[in-house]
């Protein structure tokens, strides 16, 4: 089967950044085909609070390396489920995240969310440092 589309599979390296840094993501482009999610799959997923939107199908299962996110057509998706069929194709059932692909990190947080959390942590660190100074003095 001809793979006419391209998606980017995204993984995050948690050791590549510190607590105050933005996450470091790596992406790999792979060829894919887009398939629809069946009504049955949609209803079953909705029962547990998920909303699968489409399936990205890769030619070979080895092309998938347990990434948690994908970019496709300018949108960021979280990979909900994978399925390897008998022909060694792998289907990635995905759900679109809010925001565009450039705004959402691999753990589903927007860059603004991450910056706000970093500011909160910096303020907390400053408070702890001040308390430590009063205990020492």
C-alpha atoms as a PDB file:
ATOM      1  CA  UNK A   1       0.000   0.000   0.000  1.00  0.00           C
ATOM      2  CA  UNK A   2       1.309   3.451  -0.908  1.00  0.00           C
ATOM      3  CA  UNK A   3       1.920   5.768   2.039  1.00  0.00           C
ATOM      4  CA  UNK A   4       0.939   9.221   0.794  1.00  0.00           C
ATOM      5  CA  UNK A   5       1.092  11.189   4.054  1.00  0.00           C
ATOM      6  CA  UNK A   6       3.858  12.033   6.494  1.00  0.00           C
ATOM      7  CA  UNK A   7       3.529  12.365  10.268  1.00  0.00           C
ATOM      8  CA  UNK A   8       6.108  13.168  12.920  1.00  0.00           C
ATOM      9  CA  UNK A   9       6.376  10.784  15.864  1.00  0.00           C
ATOM     10  CA  UNK A  10       7.484  12.673  18.985  1.00  0.00           C
ATOM     11  CA  UNK A  11       9.247  11.488  22.096  1.00  0.00           C
ATOM     12  CA  UNK A  12      10.434  13.460  25.098  1.00  0.00           C
ATOM     13  CA  UNK A  13      13.746  12.923  26.833  1.00  0.00           C
ATOM     14  CA  UNK A  14      13.114  13.639  30.545  1.00  0.00           C
ATOM     15  CA  UNK A  15      16.845  13.636  31.320  1.00  0.00           C
ATOM     16  CA  UNK A  16      17.554  16.256  28.662  1.00  0.00           C
ATOM     17  CA  UNK A  17      16.139  19.101  30.724  1.00  0.00           C
ATOM     18  CA  UNK A  18      16.094  20.315  34.287  1.00  0.00           C
ATOM     19  CA  UNK A  19      13.117  21.170  36.420  1.00  0.00           C
ATOM     20  CA  UNK A  20      13.102  24.788  35.229  1.00  0.00           C
ATOM     21  CA  UNK A  21      13.745  24.110  31.553  1.00  0.00           C
ATOM     22  CA  UNK A  22      11.290  23.435  28.758  1.00  0.00           C
ATOM     23  CA  UNK A  23      11.072  19.730  27.805  1.00  0.00           C
ATOM     24  CA  UNK A  24      13.376  18.546  25.045  1.00  0.00           C
ATOM     25  CA  UNK A  25      11.483  16.747  22.298  1.00  0.00           C
ATOM     26  CA  UNK A  26      12.772  14.719  19.407  1.00  0.00           C
ATOM     27  CA  UNK A  27      10.730  13.953  16.333  1.00  0.00           C
ATOM     28  CA  UNK A  28      11.043  11.496  13.470  1.00  0.00           C
ATOM     29  CA  UNK A  29       9.162  11.803  10.209  1.00  0.00           C
ATOM     30  CA  UNK A  30       7.558   8.605   8.925  1.00  0.00           C
ATOM     31  CA  UNK A  31       5.270   7.809   6.009  1.00  0.00           C
ATOM     32  CA  UNK A  32       1.714   6.887   6.958  1.00  0.00           C
ATOM     33  CA  UNK A  33      -1.802   6.384   5.718  1.00  0.00           C
ATOM     34  CA  UNK A  34      -4.799   7.896   7.475  1.00  0.00           C
ATOM     35  CA  UNK A  35      -7.791   5.731   8.337  1.00  0.00           C
ATOM     36  CA  UNK A  36     -11.023   6.520  10.092  1.00  0.00           C
ATOM     37  CA  UNK A  37     -11.856   5.353  13.589  1.00  0.00           C
ATOM     38  CA  UNK A  38     -14.921   3.074  13.576  1.00  0.00           C
ATOM     39  CA  UNK A  39     -18.138   4.053  15.350  1.00  0.00           C
ATOM     40  CA  UNK A  40     -17.714   1.124  17.699  1.00  0.00           C
ATOM     41  CA  UNK A  41     -14.233   2.320  18.704  1.00  0.00           C
ATOM     42  CA  UNK A  42     -15.522   5.863  19.239  1.00  0.00           C
ATOM     43  CA  UNK A  43     -18.378   4.723  21.495  1.00  0.00           C
ATOM     44  CA  UNK A  44     -16.133   2.411  23.522  1.00  0.00           C
ATOM     45  CA  UNK A  45     -13.539   5.158  23.983  1.00  0.00           C
ATOM     46  CA  UNK A  46     -16.146   7.749  24.956  1.00  0.00           C
ATOM     47  CA  UNK A  47     -17.297   5.418  27.724  1.00  0.00           C
ATOM     48  CA  UNK A  48     -13.904   5.920  29.397  1.00  0.00           C
ATOM     49  CA  UNK A  49     -13.546   9.631  28.575  1.00  0.00           C
ATOM     50  CA  UNK A  50     -11.437   9.437  25.405  1.00  0.00           C
ATOM     51  CA  UNK A  51     -12.162  10.871  21.956  1.00  0.00           C
ATOM     52  CA  UNK A  52     -10.162   9.067  19.249  1.00  0.00           C
ATOM     53  CA  UNK A  53     -10.107  11.050  16.030  1.00  0.00           C
ATOM     54  CA  UNK A  54      -8.204   9.016  13.458  1.00  0.00           C
ATOM     55  CA  UNK A  55      -5.673   6.259  12.884  1.00  0.00           C
ATOM     56  CA  UNK A  56      -2.195   6.799  11.491  1.00  0.00           C
ATOM     57  CA  UNK A  57      -1.070   3.554   9.868  1.00  0.00           C
ATOM     58  CA  UNK A  58       2.655   2.847   9.428  1.00  0.00           C
ATOM     59  CA  UNK A  59       3.879   0.168   6.996  1.00  0.00           C
ATOM     60  CA  UNK A  60       6.025  -1.666   9.539  1.00  0.00           C
ATOM     61  CA  UNK A  61       5.730  -2.065  13.298  1.00  0.00           C
ATOM     62  CA  UNK A  62       9.477  -1.425  13.718  1.00  0.00           C
ATOM     63  CA  UNK A  63       8.902   2.187  12.565  1.00  0.00           C
ATOM     64  CA  UNK A  64       7.163   2.886  15.884  1.00  0.00           C
ATOM     65  CA  UNK A  65       9.423   3.271  18.942  1.00  0.00           C
ATOM     66  CA  UNK A  66       6.857   3.778  21.717  1.00  0.00           C
ATOM     67  CA  UNK A  67       6.426   7.511  21.084  1.00  0.00           C
ATOM     68  CA  UNK A  68       3.555   9.116  22.993  1.00  0.00           C
ATOM     69  CA  UNK A  69       2.745  11.980  20.612  1.00  0.00           C
ATOM     70  CA  UNK A  70       2.451  12.675  16.888  1.00  0.00           C
ATOM     71  CA  UNK A  71       2.193  15.765  14.711  1.00  0.00           C
ATOM     72  CA  UNK A  72       0.007  15.477  11.649  1.00  0.00           C
ATOM     73  CA  UNK A  73      -1.227  18.250   9.358  1.00  0.00           C
ATOM     74  CA  UNK A  74      -0.234  20.951  11.850  1.00  0.00           C
ATOM     75  CA  UNK A  75      -1.986  19.375  14.835  1.00  0.00           C
ATOM     76  CA  UNK A  76      -0.567  17.634  17.909  1.00  0.00           C
ATOM     77  CA  UNK A  77      -2.055  14.249  18.792  1.00  0.00           C
ATOM     78  CA  UNK A  78      -1.624  11.939  21.751  1.00  0.00           C
ATOM     79  CA  UNK A  79      -1.280   8.262  20.827  1.00  0.00           C
ATOM     80  CA  UNK A  80      -4.039   6.404  22.680  1.00  0.00           C
ATOM     81  CA  UNK A  81      -3.532   2.885  21.380  1.00  0.00           C
ATOM     82  CA  UNK A  82      -1.421   0.852  19.004  1.00  0.00           C
ATOM     83  CA  UNK A  83      -2.355  -2.284  17.108  1.00  0.00           C
ATOM     84  CA  UNK A  84      -0.111  -4.467  14.951  1.00  0.00           C
ATOM     85  CA  UNK A  85      -2.078  -6.387  12.341  1.00  0.00           C
ATOM     86  CA  UNK A  86      -1.071  -9.620  10.607  1.00  0.00           C
ATOM     87  CA  UNK A  87       0.632  -7.790   7.765  1.00  0.00           C
ATOM     88  CA  UNK A  88       3.062  -6.063  10.192  1.00  0.00           C
ATOM     89  CA  UNK A  89       1.357  -2.697   9.750  1.00  0.00           C
ATOM     90  CA  UNK A  90       0.903  -0.743  12.960  1.00  0.00           C
ATOM     91  CA  UNK A  91      -2.140   1.422  13.591  1.00  0.00           C
ATOM     92  CA  UNK A  92      -1.755   4.389  15.936  1.00  0.00           C
ATOM     93  CA  UNK A  93      -5.140   5.528  17.211  1.00  0.00           C
ATOM     94  CA  UNK A  94      -4.788   9.200  18.111  1.00  0.00           C
ATOM     95  CA  UNK A  95      -6.691  12.019  19.819  1.00  0.00           C
ATOM     96  CA  UNK A  96      -6.089  15.678  18.995  1.00  0.00           C
ATOM     97  CA  UNK A  97      -4.840  17.950  21.770  1.00  0.00           C
ATOM     98  CA  UNK A  98      -5.909  21.560  22.250  1.00  0.00           C
ATOM     99  CA  UNK A  99      -3.631  24.118  20.630  1.00  0.00           C
ATOM    100  CA  UNK A 100      -1.478  23.707  17.573  1.00  0.00           C
ATOM    101  CA  UNK A 101       1.475  21.361  17.247  1.00  0.00           C
ATOM    102  CA  UNK A 102       4.050  23.989  18.184  1.00  0.00           C
ATOM    103  CA  UNK A 103       2.239  24.890  21.418  1.00  0.00           C
ATOM    104  CA  UNK A 104       1.801  21.451  22.988  1.00  0.00           C
ATOM    105  CA  UNK A 105       4.610  19.416  24.578  1.00  0.00           C
ATOM    106  CA  UNK A 106       4.912  15.649  24.557  1.00  0.00           C
ATOM    107  CA  UNK A 107       3.199  15.401  27.934  1.00  0.00           C
ATOM    108  CA  UNK A 108       0.214  17.437  26.691  1.00  0.00           C
ATOM    109  CA  UNK A 109       1.066  20.744  28.346  1.00  0.00           C
ATOM    110  CA  UNK A 110       1.242  23.994  26.418  1.00  0.00           C
ATOM    111  CA  UNK A 111       4.394  26.086  26.465  1.00  0.00           C
ATOM    112  CA  UNK A 112       2.506  28.731  28.485  1.00  0.00           C
ATOM    113  CA  UNK A 113       1.559  26.068  31.085  1.00  0.00           C
ATOM    114  CA  UNK A 114       5.170  24.978  31.360  1.00  0.00           C
ATOM    115  CA  UNK A 115       6.453  28.560  31.725  1.00  0.00           C
ATOM    116  CA  UNK A 116       3.859  29.303  34.430  1.00  0.00           C
ATOM    117  CA  UNK A 117       4.803  26.126  36.318  1.00  0.00           C
ATOM    118  CA  UNK A 118       8.491  27.009  36.056  1.00  0.00           C
ATOM    119  CA  UNK A 119       7.764  30.454  37.556  1.00  0.00           C
ATOM    120  CA  UNK A 120       5.822  28.831  40.418  1.00  0.00           C
ATOM    121  CA  UNK A 121       8.740  26.491  41.102  1.00  0.00           C
ATOM    122  CA  UNK A 122      11.250  29.349  40.994  1.00  0.00           C
ATOM    123  CA  UNK A 123       9.171  31.296  43.536  1.00  0.00           C
ATOM    124  CA  UNK A 124       8.926  28.232  45.769  1.00  0.00           C
ATOM    125  CA  UNK A 125      12.688  27.702  45.547  1.00  0.00           C
ATOM    126  CA  UNK A 126      13.278  31.340  46.541  1.00  0.00           C
ATOM    127  CA  UNK A 127      10.940  30.939  49.552  1.00  0.00           C
ATOM    128  CA  UNK A 128      12.740  27.783  50.661  1.00  0.00           C
ATOM    129  CA  UNK A 129      16.102  29.472  50.270  1.00  0.00           C
ATOM    130  CA  UNK A 130      14.909  32.430  52.376  1.00  0.00           C
ATOM    131  CA  UNK A 131      13.632  30.097  55.109  1.00  0.00           C
ATOM    132  CA  UNK A 132      16.901  28.181  55.093  1.00  0.00           C
ATOM    133  CA  UNK A 133      18.751  31.489  55.532  1.00  0.00           C
ATOM    134  CA  UNK A 134      16.662  32.444  58.595  1.00  0.00           C
ATOM    135  CA  UNK A 135      17.241  29.022  60.157  1.00  0.00           C
ATOM    136  CA  UNK A 136      21.002  29.294  59.683  1.00  0.00           C
ATOM    137  CA  UNK A 137      21.266  32.887  60.987  1.00  0.00           C
END
